[in-house]
Amino acid sequence: MLMLGALLAAVLISFSFKIVEWITGLFNKRFMRYTIYYWGILLIAASLLIKENYVFHLPHHFLAVLPLCLIILFINLLISRRSGYSPVGLFNRINFVITYPVFEEIAFRGLILPILVRHQSLGEKFTLELGNGLFPKLSLAVIITAVLFAVSHLQYYKLNAESIRFMLFAVSGGLFFGMIAQATESIILTILLHMAFNGSAALYAYSAAKRQRT
């Protein structure tokens, strides 16, 4: 019963952006473009109320995840140019590179993941060893969080070939970010890695658009 409650809470947080957007639209549709900020305020408030979250913690066992962080950073630079993300305008670029990574990490790795990890069957009982101990363990809680992270992107995009590609990037990133967050009990490193991926993707998109104009 407690596990079901945790899963329901995880789903609710996953799609809370859309709920906030809908409520904002009831009051004034002009303010819907600022939904990300209202959502972020709500997430920070939830972080103060929900115990045992990863939001305000400094990372533990940093050296244990350092190899994985470096690998992810390198892969980010290679695959971000093929991500398909192309935010337009300064407002959207700032949100894409800074705001969304911060608030998405708070929601998924900062709140949802520890809610699921509390249950031994999700956080410790079913785990996979990767790289002969070189990388952190992959738990069922991390897998569930990564899937929710990927599916939640349908809040921002319609379901089509492009959004499916976004979701594939999201689920793969969600798995690695989740392992790091669970191992360190912190989202500081995952926020930085998330920003690095989004920042490099935005830079590639901007450079490509600039070349087309010249």
C-alpha atoms as a PDB file:
ATOM      1  CA  MET A   1       0.000   0.000   0.000  1.00  0.00           C
ATOM      2  CA  LEU A   2       2.828   2.365   0.895  1.00  0.00           C
ATOM      3  CA  MET A   3       4.598   1.514  -2.361  1.00  0.00           C
ATOM      4  CA  LEU A   4       1.446   2.278  -4.343  1.00  0.00           C
ATOM      5  CA  GLY A   5       1.248   5.648  -2.610  1.00  0.00           C
ATOM      6  CA  ALA A   6       4.864   6.358  -3.530  1.00  0.00           C
ATOM      7  CA  LEU A   7       4.214   5.454  -7.173  1.00  0.00           C
ATOM      8  CA  LEU A   8       1.125   7.662  -7.292  1.00  0.00           C
ATOM      9  CA  ALA A   9       3.083  10.541  -5.757  1.00  0.00           C
ATOM     10  CA  ALA A  10       5.810   9.997  -8.352  1.00  0.00           C
ATOM     11  CA  VAL A  11       3.302  10.144 -11.223  1.00  0.00           C
ATOM     12  CA  LEU A  12       1.654  13.252  -9.756  1.00  0.00           C
ATOM     13  CA  ILE A  13       4.965  15.098  -9.472  1.00  0.00           C
ATOM     14  CA  SER A  14       5.936  13.955 -12.981  1.00  0.00           C
ATOM     15  CA  PHE A  15       2.916  15.642 -14.534  1.00  0.00           C
ATOM     16  CA  SER A  16       2.610  18.538 -12.098  1.00  0.00           C
ATOM     17  CA  PHE A  17       3.978  20.930 -14.741  1.00  0.00           C
ATOM     18  CA  LYS A  18       0.900  20.336 -16.886  1.00  0.00           C
ATOM     19  CA  ILE A  19      -1.372  20.753 -13.862  1.00  0.00           C
ATOM     20  CA  VAL A  20       0.252  24.090 -13.003  1.00  0.00           C
ATOM     21  CA  GLU A  21       0.006  25.191 -16.640  1.00  0.00           C
ATOM     22  CA  TRP A  22      -3.698  24.302 -16.736  1.00  0.00           C
ATOM     23  CA  ILE A  23      -4.438  26.188 -13.511  1.00  0.00           C
ATOM     24  CA  THR A  24      -2.463  29.200 -14.764  1.00  0.00           C
ATOM     25  CA  GLY A  25      -4.484  29.202 -17.977  1.00  0.00           C
ATOM     26  CA  LEU A  26      -7.730  29.359 -16.008  1.00  0.00           C
ATOM     27  CA  PHE A  27      -6.632  32.689 -14.538  1.00  0.00           C
ATOM     28  CA  ASN A  28      -4.780  34.319 -17.416  1.00  0.00           C
ATOM     29  CA  LYS A  29      -3.499  32.593 -20.558  1.00  0.00           C
ATOM     30  CA  ARG A  30      -0.876  35.328 -21.066  1.00  0.00           C
ATOM     31  CA  PHE A  31       0.960  34.103 -17.990  1.00  0.00           C
ATOM     32  CA  MET A  32       1.183  30.503 -19.225  1.00  0.00           C
ATOM     33  CA  ARG A  33       4.626  31.187 -20.721  1.00  0.00           C
ATOM     34  CA  TYR A  34       5.861  31.617 -17.150  1.00  0.00           C
ATOM     35  CA  THR A  35       4.547  28.224 -16.032  1.00  0.00           C
ATOM     36  CA  ILE A  36       8.074  26.906 -15.526  1.00  0.00           C
ATOM     37  CA  TYR A  37       8.666  29.503 -12.792  1.00  0.00           C
ATOM     38  CA  TYR A  38       5.387  28.802 -10.989  1.00  0.00           C
ATOM     39  CA  TRP A  39       6.181  25.101 -11.214  1.00  0.00           C
ATOM     40  CA  GLY A  40       9.645  25.708  -9.815  1.00  0.00           C
ATOM     41  CA  ILE A  41       8.287  27.625  -6.823  1.00  0.00           C
ATOM     42  CA  LEU A  42       5.897  24.756  -6.130  1.00  0.00           C
ATOM     43  CA  LEU A  43       8.724  22.201  -6.343  1.00  0.00           C
ATOM     44  CA  ILE A  44      10.942  24.159  -3.959  1.00  0.00           C
ATOM     45  CA  ALA A  45       8.038  24.423  -1.508  1.00  0.00           C
ATOM     46  CA  ALA A  46       7.504  20.656  -1.796  1.00  0.00           C
ATOM     47  CA  SER A  47      11.217  20.119  -1.165  1.00  0.00           C
ATOM     48  CA  LEU A  48      10.866  21.907   2.166  1.00  0.00           C
ATOM     49  CA  LEU A  49       7.935  19.688   3.162  1.00  0.00           C
ATOM     50  CA  ILE A  50       8.987  16.267   1.860  1.00  0.00           C
ATOM     51  CA  LYS A  51      11.558  14.631   4.116  1.00  0.00           C
ATOM     52  CA  GLU A  52      14.636  12.729   2.921  1.00  0.00           C
ATOM     53  CA  ASN A  53      14.862  14.409  -0.464  1.00  0.00           C
ATOM     54  CA  TYR A  54      18.086  15.021  -2.423  1.00  0.00           C
ATOM     55  CA  VAL A  55      17.449  18.682  -3.210  1.00  0.00           C
ATOM     56  CA  PHE A  56      19.506  20.498  -0.591  1.00  0.00           C
ATOM     57  CA  HIS A  57      22.250  17.903  -0.015  1.00  0.00           C
ATOM     58  CA  LEU A  58      25.904  18.169  -0.960  1.00  0.00           C
ATOM     59  CA  PRO A  59      27.061  15.088  -2.910  1.00  0.00           C
ATOM     60  CA  HIS A  60      28.447  12.131  -0.973  1.00  0.00           C
ATOM     61  CA  HIS A  61      30.885   9.591  -2.448  1.00  0.00           C
ATOM     62  CA  PHE A  62      31.906  12.010  -5.191  1.00  0.00           C
ATOM     63  CA  LEU A  63      34.928   9.973  -6.273  1.00  0.00           C
ATOM     64  CA  ALA A  64      32.734   6.899  -6.755  1.00  0.00           C
ATOM     65  CA  VAL A  65      30.693   8.634  -9.465  1.00  0.00           C
ATOM     66  CA  LEU A  66      33.490  10.738 -10.983  1.00  0.00           C
ATOM     67  CA  PRO A  67      34.261   8.252 -13.816  1.00  0.00           C
ATOM     68  CA  LEU A  68      30.584   8.132 -14.796  1.00  0.00           C
ATOM     69  CA  CYS A  69      30.295  11.941 -14.663  1.00  0.00           C
ATOM     70  CA  LEU A  70      33.269  12.355 -16.991  1.00  0.00           C
ATOM     71  CA  ILE A  71      31.919   9.753 -19.414  1.00  0.00           C
ATOM     72  CA  ILE A  72      28.491  11.432 -19.461  1.00  0.00           C
ATOM     73  CA  LEU A  73      30.064  14.845 -20.002  1.00  0.00           C
ATOM     74  CA  PHE A  74      32.046  13.522 -22.965  1.00  0.00           C
ATOM     75  CA  ILE A  75      29.012  11.754 -24.453  1.00  0.00           C
ATOM     76  CA  ASN A  76      26.948  14.922 -23.967  1.00  0.00           C
ATOM     77  CA  LEU A  77      29.288  16.847 -26.228  1.00  0.00           C
ATOM     78  CA  LEU A  78      29.081  14.130 -28.893  1.00  0.00           C
ATOM     79  CA  ILE A  79      25.335  13.485 -29.034  1.00  0.00           C
ATOM     80  CA  SER A  80      23.852  16.855 -28.105  1.00  0.00           C
ATOM     81  CA  ARG A  81      24.218  18.122 -31.673  1.00  0.00           C
ATOM     82  CA  ARG A  82      21.818  15.345 -32.748  1.00  0.00           C
ATOM     83  CA  SER A  83      19.305  15.942 -29.973  1.00  0.00           C
ATOM     84  CA  GLY A  84      16.933  17.953 -32.168  1.00  0.00           C
ATOM     85  CA  TYR A  85      16.439  20.604 -29.493  1.00  0.00           C
ATOM     86  CA  SER A  86      16.424  24.113 -30.968  1.00  0.00           C
ATOM     87  CA  PRO A  87      15.104  26.742 -28.529  1.00  0.00           C
ATOM     88  CA  VAL A  88      14.369  30.047 -30.249  1.00  0.00           C
ATOM     89  CA  GLY A  89      14.796  33.438 -28.605  1.00  0.00           C
ATOM     90  CA  LEU A  90      16.721  34.505 -25.503  1.00  0.00           C
ATOM     91  CA  PHE A  91      13.858  33.737 -23.106  1.00  0.00           C
ATOM     92  CA  ASN A  92      13.497  30.158 -24.348  1.00  0.00           C
ATOM     93  CA  ARG A  93      17.260  29.593 -24.478  1.00  0.00           C
ATOM     94  CA  ILE A  94      17.741  30.695 -20.862  1.00  0.00           C
ATOM     95  CA  ASN A  95      14.894  28.442 -19.752  1.00  0.00           C
ATOM     96  CA  PHE A  96      16.228  25.524 -21.784  1.00  0.00           C
ATOM     97  CA  VAL A  97      19.812  25.817 -20.563  1.00  0.00           C
ATOM     98  CA  ILE A  98      19.248  26.842 -16.936  1.00  0.00           C
ATOM     99  CA  THR A  99      15.670  26.867 -15.684  1.00  0.00           C
ATOM    100  CA  TYR A 100      14.401  23.532 -16.994  1.00  0.00           C
ATOM    101  CA  PRO A 101      17.488  21.537 -15.924  1.00  0.00           C
ATOM    102  CA  VAL A 102      17.296  22.927 -12.378  1.00  0.00           C
ATOM    103  CA  PHE A 103      13.577  22.354 -11.877  1.00  0.00           C
ATOM    104  CA  GLU A 104      13.460  19.012 -13.697  1.00  0.00           C
ATOM    105  CA  GLU A 105      16.295  17.713 -11.545  1.00  0.00           C
ATOM    106  CA  ILE A 106      14.500  18.911  -8.413  1.00  0.00           C
ATOM    107  CA  ALA A 107      11.307  17.149  -9.525  1.00  0.00           C
ATOM    108  CA  PHE A 108      12.730  13.842 -10.745  1.00  0.00           C
ATOM    109  CA  ARG A 109      16.075  13.177  -9.085  1.00  0.00           C
ATOM    110  CA  GLY A 110      15.497  15.440  -6.091  1.00  0.00           C
ATOM    111  CA  LEU A 111      11.955  14.401  -5.097  1.00  0.00           C
ATOM    112  CA  ILE A 112      10.633  11.418  -7.065  1.00  0.00           C
ATOM    113  CA  LEU A 113      13.759   9.261  -6.869  1.00  0.00           C
ATOM    114  CA  PRO A 114      14.179   9.407  -3.058  1.00  0.00           C
ATOM    115  CA  ILE A 115      10.446   8.831  -2.596  1.00  0.00           C
ATOM    116  CA  LEU A 116      10.846   5.559  -4.512  1.00  0.00           C
ATOM    117  CA  VAL A 117      14.234   4.662  -3.013  1.00  0.00           C
ATOM    118  CA  ARG A 118      12.696   4.614   0.479  1.00  0.00           C
ATOM    119  CA  HIS A 119      11.085   1.306  -0.448  1.00  0.00           C
ATOM    120  CA  GLN A 120      13.702  -1.427  -0.299  1.00  0.00           C
ATOM    121  CA  SER A 121      12.161  -3.412  -3.145  1.00  0.00           C
ATOM    122  CA  LEU A 122      12.622  -0.396  -5.437  1.00  0.00           C
ATOM    123  CA  GLY A 123      15.814   1.133  -4.119  1.00  0.00           C
ATOM    124  CA  GLU A 124      18.007  -1.755  -3.005  1.00  0.00           C
ATOM    125  CA  LYS A 125      16.492  -5.177  -3.609  1.00  0.00           C
ATOM    126  CA  PHE A 126      16.462  -5.126  -7.416  1.00  0.00           C
ATOM    127  CA  THR A 127      19.703  -3.589  -8.692  1.00  0.00           C
ATOM    128  CA  LEU A 128      22.069  -4.158 -11.600  1.00  0.00           C
ATOM    129  CA  GLU A 129      25.851  -3.990 -11.417  1.00  0.00           C
ATOM    130  CA  LEU A 130      27.387  -2.046 -14.308  1.00  0.00           C
ATOM    131  CA  GLY A 131      31.025  -1.888 -15.310  1.00  0.00           C
ATOM    132  CA  ASN A 132      32.189  -4.373 -12.650  1.00  0.00           C
ATOM    133  CA  GLY A 133      31.602  -1.859  -9.890  1.00  0.00           C
ATOM    134  CA  LEU A 134      33.095   1.072 -11.795  1.00  0.00           C
ATOM    135  CA  PHE A 135      29.650   2.724 -11.953  1.00  0.00           C
ATOM    136  CA  PRO A 136      26.928   3.067  -9.300  1.00  0.00           C
ATOM    137  CA  LYS A 137      24.237   0.393  -9.148  1.00  0.00           C
ATOM    138  CA  LEU A 138      21.143   0.752 -11.335  1.00  0.00           C
ATOM    139  CA  SER A 139      18.063   0.328  -9.148  1.00  0.00           C
ATOM    140  CA  LEU A 140      14.435  -0.204 -10.072  1.00  0.00           C
ATOM    141  CA  ALA A 141      13.690   3.222  -8.560  1.00  0.00           C
ATOM    142  CA  VAL A 142      16.115   4.809 -11.023  1.00  0.00           C
ATOM    143  CA  ILE A 143      14.540   2.954 -13.963  1.00  0.00           C
ATOM    144  CA  ILE A 144      11.013   4.034 -12.968  1.00  0.00           C
ATOM    145  CA  THR A 145      12.172   7.623 -12.497  1.00  0.00           C
ATOM    146  CA  ALA A 146      13.881   7.631 -15.908  1.00  0.00           C
ATOM    147  CA  VAL A 147      10.740   6.325 -17.638  1.00  0.00           C
ATOM    148  CA  LEU A 148       8.577   8.934 -15.916  1.00  0.00           C
ATOM    149  CA  PHE A 149      11.124  11.603 -16.869  1.00  0.00           C
ATOM    150  CA  ALA A 150      10.920  10.566 -20.515  1.00  0.00           C
ATOM    151  CA  VAL A 151       7.122  10.291 -20.666  1.00  0.00           C
ATOM    152  CA  SER A 152       6.718  13.614 -18.839  1.00  0.00           C
ATOM    153  CA  HIS A 153       8.295  15.379 -21.816  1.00  0.00           C
ATOM    154  CA  LEU A 154       4.967  14.918 -23.571  1.00  0.00           C
ATOM    155  CA  GLN A 155       3.854  17.798 -21.335  1.00  0.00           C
ATOM    156  CA  TYR A 156       5.980  20.066 -23.532  1.00  0.00           C
ATOM    157  CA  TYR A 157       5.619  18.407 -26.956  1.00  0.00           C
ATOM    158  CA  LYS A 158       3.019  16.524 -28.947  1.00  0.00           C
ATOM    159  CA  LEU A 159       3.580  12.824 -29.570  1.00  0.00           C
ATOM    160  CA  ASN A 160       5.372  12.519 -32.905  1.00  0.00           C
ATOM    161  CA  ALA A 161       8.668  11.271 -34.310  1.00  0.00           C
ATOM    162  CA  GLU A 162      10.570  14.264 -32.937  1.00  0.00           C
ATOM    163  CA  SER A 163       9.136  13.939 -29.416  1.00  0.00           C
ATOM    164  CA  ILE A 164       9.955  10.220 -29.407  1.00  0.00           C
ATOM    165  CA  ARG A 165      13.574  11.143 -30.098  1.00  0.00           C
ATOM    166  CA  PHE A 166      13.447  13.634 -27.215  1.00  0.00           C
ATOM    167  CA  MET A 167      12.057  10.883 -24.978  1.00  0.00           C
ATOM    168  CA  LEU A 168      14.858   8.477 -25.933  1.00  0.00           C
ATOM    169  CA  PHE A 169      17.451  11.068 -24.961  1.00  0.00           C
ATOM    170  CA  ALA A 170      15.496  11.726 -21.750  1.00  0.00           C
ATOM    171  CA  VAL A 171      15.260   8.077 -20.679  1.00  0.00           C
ATOM    172  CA  SER A 172      18.965   7.437 -21.291  1.00  0.00           C
ATOM    173  CA  GLY A 173      19.939  10.613 -19.454  1.00  0.00           C
ATOM    174  CA  GLY A 174      17.460   9.780 -16.714  1.00  0.00           C
ATOM    175  CA  LEU A 175      19.103   6.417 -16.080  1.00  0.00           C
ATOM    176  CA  PHE A 176      22.600   7.846 -15.680  1.00  0.00           C
ATOM    177  CA  PHE A 177      21.491  10.941 -13.775  1.00  0.00           C
ATOM    178  CA  GLY A 178      19.432   8.733 -11.488  1.00  0.00           C
ATOM    179  CA  MET A 179      22.385   6.472 -10.679  1.00  0.00           C
ATOM    180  CA  ILE A 180      24.501   9.504  -9.799  1.00  0.00           C
ATOM    181  CA  ALA A 181      21.778  11.094  -7.679  1.00  0.00           C
ATOM    182  CA  GLN A 182      21.067   7.900  -5.750  1.00  0.00           C
ATOM    183  CA  ALA A 183      24.767   7.224  -5.146  1.00  0.00           C
ATOM    184  CA  THR A 184      25.504  10.779  -3.961  1.00  0.00           C
ATOM    185  CA  GLU A 185      22.079  11.553  -2.436  1.00  0.00           C
ATOM    186  CA  SER A 186      22.339  14.933  -4.160  1.00  0.00           C
ATOM    187  CA  ILE A 187      21.265  16.576  -7.407  1.00  0.00           C
ATOM    188  CA  ILE A 188      24.113  19.085  -7.682  1.00  0.00           C
ATOM    189  CA  LEU A 189      26.106  16.951 -10.124  1.00  0.00           C
ATOM    190  CA  THR A 190      23.056  15.986 -12.174  1.00  0.00           C
ATOM    191  CA  ILE A 191      21.999  19.633 -12.489  1.00  0.00           C
ATOM    192  CA  LEU A 192      25.447  20.497 -13.865  1.00  0.00           C
ATOM    193  CA  LEU A 193      25.401  17.563 -16.289  1.00  0.00           C
ATOM    194  CA  HIS A 194      21.847  18.380 -17.381  1.00  0.00           C
ATOM    195  CA  MET A 195      22.869  21.996 -18.021  1.00  0.00           C
ATOM    196  CA  ALA A 196      25.915  20.827 -19.958  1.00  0.00           C
ATOM    197  CA  PHE A 197      23.796  18.694 -22.292  1.00  0.00           C
ATOM    198  CA  ASN A 198      21.110  21.332 -22.828  1.00  0.00           C
ATOM    199  CA  GLY A 199      23.708  24.081 -23.184  1.00  0.00           C
ATOM    200  CA  SER A 200      25.704  22.249 -25.833  1.00  0.00           C
ATOM    201  CA  ALA A 201      22.499  21.290 -27.692  1.00  0.00           C
ATOM    202  CA  ALA A 202      21.340  24.926 -27.684  1.00  0.00           C
ATOM    203  CA  LEU A 203      24.768  26.095 -28.848  1.00  0.00           C
ATOM    204  CA  TYR A 204      24.818  23.631 -31.748  1.00  0.00           C
ATOM    205  CA  ALA A 205      21.287  24.655 -32.749  1.00  0.00           C
ATOM    206  CA  TYR A 206      22.164  28.351 -32.587  1.00  0.00           C
ATOM    207  CA  SER A 207      25.340  27.844 -34.625  1.00  0.00           C
ATOM    208  CA  ALA A 208      23.477  25.840 -37.263  1.00  0.00           C
ATOM    209  CA  ALA A 209      20.765  28.491 -37.561  1.00  0.00           C
ATOM    210  CA  LYS A 210      23.402  31.204 -37.844  1.00  0.00           C
ATOM    211  CA  ARG A 211      25.173  29.344 -40.670  1.00  0.00           C
ATOM    212  CA  GLN A 212      21.900  29.000 -42.557  1.00  0.00           C
ATOM    213  CA  ARG A 213      21.309  32.766 -42.371  1.00  0.00           C
ATOM    214  CA  THR A 214      24.746  33.586 -43.789  1.00  0.00           C
END
